C-alpha atoms as a PDB file:
ATOM      1  CA  UNK A   1     -40.114-104.150-149.097  1.00  0.00           C
ATOM      2  CA  UNK A   2     -37.521-102.504-146.893  1.00  0.00           C
ATOM      3  CA  UNK A   3     -39.094-101.496-143.563  1.00  0.00           C
ATOM      4  CA  UNK A   4     -36.244 -99.434-142.113  1.00  0.00           C
ATOM      5  CA  UNK A   5     -32.598 -98.519-142.463  1.00  0.00           C
ATOM      6  CA  UNK A   6     -30.319 -97.730-139.521  1.00  0.00           C
ATOM      7  CA  UNK A   7     -26.938 -96.020-139.555  1.00  0.00           C
ATOM      8  CA  UNK A   8     -24.670 -95.552-136.578  1.00  0.00           C
ATOM      9  CA  UNK A   9     -23.420 -92.177-135.417  1.00  0.00           C
ATOM     10  CA  UNK A  10     -20.964 -91.174-132.725  1.00  0.00           C
ATOM     11  CA  UNK A  11     -22.186 -87.566-132.672  1.00  0.00           C
ATOM     12  CA  UNK A  12     -25.992 -87.500-132.804  1.00  0.00           C
ATOM     13  CA  UNK A  13     -26.186 -83.680-132.825  1.00  0.00           C
ATOM     14  CA  UNK A  14     -23.909 -83.516-135.864  1.00  0.00           C
ATOM     15  CA  UNK A  15     -25.883 -86.274-137.601  1.00  0.00           C
ATOM     16  CA  UNK A  16     -29.140 -84.455-136.822  1.00  0.00           C
ATOM     17  CA  UNK A  17     -27.824 -81.276-138.441  1.00  0.00           C
ATOM     18  CA  UNK A  18     -26.874 -83.204-141.588  1.00  0.00           C
ATOM     19  CA  UNK A  19     -29.999 -85.336-142.022  1.00  0.00           C
ATOM     20  CA  UNK A  20     -32.411 -82.567-141.049  1.00  0.00           C
ATOM     21  CA  UNK A  21     -30.946 -80.488-143.889  1.00  0.00           C
ATOM     22  CA  UNK A  22     -32.716 -82.699-146.451  1.00  0.00           C
ATOM     23  CA  UNK A  23     -34.967 -85.429-145.049  1.00  0.00           C
ATOM     24  CA  UNK A  24     -37.854 -83.102-144.026  1.00  0.00           C
ATOM     25  CA  UNK A  25     -37.931 -81.769-147.611  1.00  0.00           C
ATOM     26  CA  UNK A  26     -38.489 -85.378-148.739  1.00  0.00           C
ATOM     27  CA  UNK A  27     -41.446 -85.736-146.375  1.00  0.00           C
ATOM     28  CA  UNK A  28     -39.747 -87.300-143.352  1.00  0.00           C
ATOM     29  CA  UNK A  29     -40.699 -86.185-139.857  1.00  0.00           C
ATOM     30  CA  UNK A  30     -38.237 -86.411-136.976  1.00  0.00           C
ATOM     31  CA  UNK A  31     -38.783 -88.123-133.653  1.00  0.00           C
ATOM     32  CA  UNK A  32     -35.844 -87.644-131.327  1.00  0.00           C
ATOM     33  CA  UNK A  33     -35.183 -89.530-128.135  1.00  0.00           C
ATOM     34  CA  UNK A  34     -32.418 -90.904-125.960  1.00  0.00           C
ATOM     35  CA  UNK A  35     -32.034 -93.826-128.397  1.00  0.00           C
ATOM     36  CA  UNK A  36     -31.249 -91.479-131.311  1.00  0.00           C
ATOM     37  CA  UNK A  37     -33.069 -90.053-134.306  1.00  0.00           C
ATOM     38  CA  UNK A  38     -36.056 -91.605-136.064  1.00  0.00           C
ATOM     39  CA  UNK A  39     -37.035 -90.123-139.428  1.00  0.00           C
ATOM     40  CA  UNK A  40     -40.423 -91.417-140.551  1.00  0.00           C
ATOM     41  CA  UNK A  41     -42.795 -90.703-143.397  1.00  0.00           C
ATOM     42  CA  UNK A  42     -46.315 -89.603-142.458  1.00  0.00           C
ATOM     43  CA  UNK A  43     -49.005 -92.250-142.333  1.00  0.00           C
ATOM     44  CA  UNK A  44     -52.561 -91.562-143.399  1.00  0.00           C
ATOM     45  CA  UNK A  45     -55.246 -92.846-141.016  1.00  0.00           C
ATOM     46  CA  UNK A  46     -56.375 -96.304-142.045  1.00  0.00           C
ATOM     47  CA  UNK A  47     -53.390 -96.763-144.376  1.00  0.00           C
ATOM     48  CA  UNK A  48     -50.304 -98.919-143.865  1.00  0.00           C
ATOM     49  CA  UNK A  49     -47.131 -97.206-142.738  1.00  0.00           C
ATOM     50  CA  UNK A  50     -45.182 -95.408-145.454  1.00  0.00           C
ATOM     51  CA  UNK A  51     -41.771 -97.057-145.554  1.00  0.00           C
ATOM     52  CA  UNK A  52     -38.885 -97.138-145.071  1.00  0.00           C
ATOM     53  CA  UNK A  53     -38.165 -95.447-141.768  1.00  0.00           C
ATOM     54  CA  UNK A  54     -34.632 -94.120-141.353  1.00  0.00           C
ATOM     55  CA  UNK A  55     -32.865 -94.305-137.994  1.00  0.00           C
ATOM     56  CA  UNK A  56     -29.637 -92.705-136.790  1.00  0.00           C
ATOM     57  CA  UNK A  57     -28.484 -94.306-133.550  1.00  0.00           C
ATOM     58  CA  UNK A  58     -25.452 -94.688-131.338  1.00  0.00           C
ATOM     59  CA  UNK A  59     -23.946 -98.145-131.647  1.00  0.00           C
ATOM     60  CA  UNK A  60     -25.346-100.841-129.379  1.00  0.00           C
ATOM     61  CA  UNK A  61     -21.935-102.257-128.515  1.00  0.00           C
ATOM     62  CA  UNK A  62     -20.445 -98.875-127.537  1.00  0.00           C
ATOM     63  CA  UNK A  63     -17.639 -99.080-130.071  1.00  0.00           C
ATOM     64  CA  UNK A  64     -17.214 -96.298-132.661  1.00  0.00           C
ATOM     65  CA  UNK A  65     -19.715 -96.262-135.505  1.00  0.00           C
ATOM     66  CA  UNK A  66     -18.324 -97.029-138.945  1.00  0.00           C
ATOM     67  CA  UNK A  67     -19.609 -96.720-142.494  1.00  0.00           C
ATOM     68  CA  UNK A  68     -20.159 -99.860-144.544  1.00  0.00           C
ATOM     69  CA  UNK A  69     -17.694-100.340-147.378  1.00  0.00           C
ATOM     70  CA  UNK A  70     -19.855-100.537-150.483  1.00  0.00           C
ATOM     71  CA  UNK A  71     -23.043 -99.618-148.621  1.00  0.00           C
ATOM     72  CA  UNK A  72     -25.133 -96.669-149.805  1.00  0.00           C
ATOM     73  CA  UNK A  73     -28.581 -95.333-148.970  1.00  0.00           C
ATOM     74  CA  UNK A  74     -30.523 -93.576-151.737  1.00  0.00           C
ATOM     75  CA  UNK A  75     -33.343 -91.098-151.206  1.00  0.00           C
ATOM     76  CA  UNK A  76     -35.628 -90.148-154.085  1.00  0.00           C
ATOM     77  CA  UNK A  77     -36.243 -86.445-154.673  1.00  0.00           C
ATOM     78  CA  UNK A  78     -39.113 -84.947-156.670  1.00  0.00           C
ATOM     79  CA  UNK A  79     -36.955 -83.200-159.274  1.00  0.00           C
ATOM     80  CA  UNK A  80     -33.447 -82.539-160.517  1.00  0.00           C
ATOM     81  CA  UNK A  81     -33.604 -79.089-158.896  1.00  0.00           C
ATOM     82  CA  UNK A  82     -34.492 -80.648-155.569  1.00  0.00           C
ATOM     83  CA  UNK A  83     -31.537 -83.046-155.874  1.00  0.00           C
ATOM     84  CA  UNK A  84     -29.260 -80.074-156.500  1.00  0.00           C
ATOM     85  CA  UNK A  85     -30.746 -77.972-153.674  1.00  0.00           C
ATOM     86  CA  UNK A  86     -30.738 -80.768-151.100  1.00  0.00           C
ATOM     87  CA  UNK A  87     -27.210 -81.845-152.008  1.00  0.00           C
ATOM     88  CA  UNK A  88     -26.052 -78.260-151.376  1.00  0.00           C
ATOM     89  CA  UNK A  89     -28.013 -78.071-148.097  1.00  0.00           C
ATOM     90  CA  UNK A  90     -26.515 -81.344-146.873  1.00  0.00           C
ATOM     91  CA  UNK A  91     -22.992 -80.131-147.680  1.00  0.00           C
ATOM     92  CA  UNK A  92     -23.648 -76.892-145.790  1.00  0.00           C
ATOM     93  CA  UNK A  93     -24.880 -78.990-142.846  1.00  0.00           C
ATOM     94  CA  UNK A  94     -21.615 -80.899-142.481  1.00  0.00           C
ATOM     95  CA  UNK A  95     -21.738 -83.497-145.248  1.00  0.00           C
ATOM     96  CA  UNK A  96     -18.919 -84.280-147.654  1.00  0.00           C
ATOM     97  CA  UNK A  97     -19.216 -84.284-151.449  1.00  0.00           C
ATOM     98  CA  UNK A  98     -18.898 -87.691-153.052  1.00  0.00           C
ATOM     99  CA  UNK A  99     -20.141 -86.624-156.500  1.00  0.00           C
ATOM    100  CA  UNK A 100     -21.865 -83.433-157.605  1.00  0.00           C
ATOM    101  CA  UNK A 101     -25.445 -83.714-158.876  1.00  0.00           C
ATOM    102  CA  UNK A 102     -25.741 -84.599-162.521  1.00  0.00           C
ATOM    103  CA  UNK A 103     -26.341 -87.355-165.013  1.00  0.00           C
ATOM    104  CA  UNK A 104     -24.087 -90.409-165.035  1.00  0.00           C
ATOM    105  CA  UNK A 105     -23.284 -92.122-168.324  1.00  0.00           C
ATOM    106  CA  UNK A 106     -23.814 -95.613-166.903  1.00  0.00           C
ATOM    107  CA  UNK A 107     -27.394 -94.918-165.745  1.00  0.00           C
ATOM    108  CA  UNK A 108     -30.595 -94.242-167.666  1.00  0.00           C
ATOM    109  CA  UNK A 109     -31.135 -90.965-169.523  1.00  0.00           C
ATOM    110  CA  UNK A 110     -33.314 -89.444-166.761  1.00  0.00           C
ATOM    111  CA  UNK A 111     -31.396 -90.656-163.692  1.00  0.00           C
ATOM    112  CA  UNK A 112     -30.049 -87.483-162.052  1.00  0.00           C
ATOM    113  CA  UNK A 113     -28.038 -88.102-158.883  1.00  0.00           C
ATOM    114  CA  UNK A 114     -25.759 -86.436-156.342  1.00  0.00           C
ATOM    115  CA  UNK A 115     -23.635 -88.332-153.817  1.00  0.00           C
ATOM    116  CA  UNK A 116     -22.619 -87.373-150.273  1.00  0.00           C
ATOM    117  CA  UNK A 117     -21.035 -88.754-147.141  1.00  0.00           C
ATOM    118  CA  UNK A 118     -22.669 -87.970-143.825  1.00  0.00           C
ATOM    119  CA  UNK A 119     -20.425 -86.787-140.951  1.00  0.00           C
ATOM    120  CA  UNK A 120     -19.867 -90.430-139.927  1.00  0.00           C
ATOM    121  CA  UNK A 121     -18.851 -91.460-143.468  1.00  0.00           C
ATOM    122  CA  UNK A 122     -22.053 -93.207-144.589  1.00  0.00           C
ATOM    123  CA  UNK A 123     -22.648 -92.815-148.320  1.00  0.00           C
ATOM    124  CA  UNK A 124     -25.900 -91.145-149.320  1.00  0.00           C
ATOM    125  CA  UNK A 125     -27.418 -90.678-152.786  1.00  0.00           C
ATOM    126  CA  UNK A 126     -30.089 -88.126-153.646  1.00  0.00           C
ATOM    127  CA  UNK A 127     -31.684 -88.892-156.999  1.00  0.00           C
ATOM    128  CA  UNK A 128     -34.523 -88.104-159.363  1.00  0.00           C
ATOM    129  CA  UNK A 129     -35.542 -90.138-162.373  1.00  0.00           C
ATOM    130  CA  UNK A 130     -38.553 -88.141-163.553  1.00  0.00           C
ATOM    131  CA  UNK A 131     -39.017 -88.885-167.247  1.00  0.00           C
ATOM    132  CA  UNK A 132     -40.890 -85.577-167.735  1.00  0.00           C
ATOM    133  CA  UNK A 133     -37.716 -83.604-167.025  1.00  0.00           C
ATOM    134  CA  UNK A 134     -34.916 -82.992-169.517  1.00  0.00           C
ATOM    135  CA  UNK A 135     -32.753 -86.081-169.785  1.00  0.00           C
ATOM    136  CA  UNK A 136     -29.049 -86.598-170.211  1.00  0.00           C
ATOM    137  CA  UNK A 137     -29.323 -86.624-174.005  1.00  0.00           C
ATOM    138  CA  UNK A 138     -31.918 -83.879-174.286  1.00  0.00           C
END
C-alpha cells in the first residue's frame, strides 16, 4: 500500500491554489505549515489512517523542483461528472491541460479520465471507473 506521495513545488501558494481546487472535493483535508502542504484523508477514531497522504513541499536541497519524466499521480473521483468538474476547476486554478476528460480506447470501457499538469509540471490524472455509469461503448 502506498502511504504517501510527495511532489516538489517552487511556489507553494500557486501549488495550493491548484491542489485545493480539487483535492477537498475528493475528501482530502489540508494542513499547511512552514514545511509545505499536507493533504490527508480523514481518519475515523479507532480505524487505521486512510491512505495515501499527498504532500507538496519545497525541495530539501534548495534546487528548483522538477517533474518526473514518466511519473503521474492519479486521484479517483466518484463519477465521470466529478472528473469533468474537477478537471475544469484545476485548469481554472492554474493547471495545464494534458488531455480532456473522456474515455480512452486503450483502457477499459468504464475508465473515464482527464489529465493535467500542476503549475510545477507534475502530471495528474483524475479518473472514474464506476461500472454503473455509461461506458465507452454504451
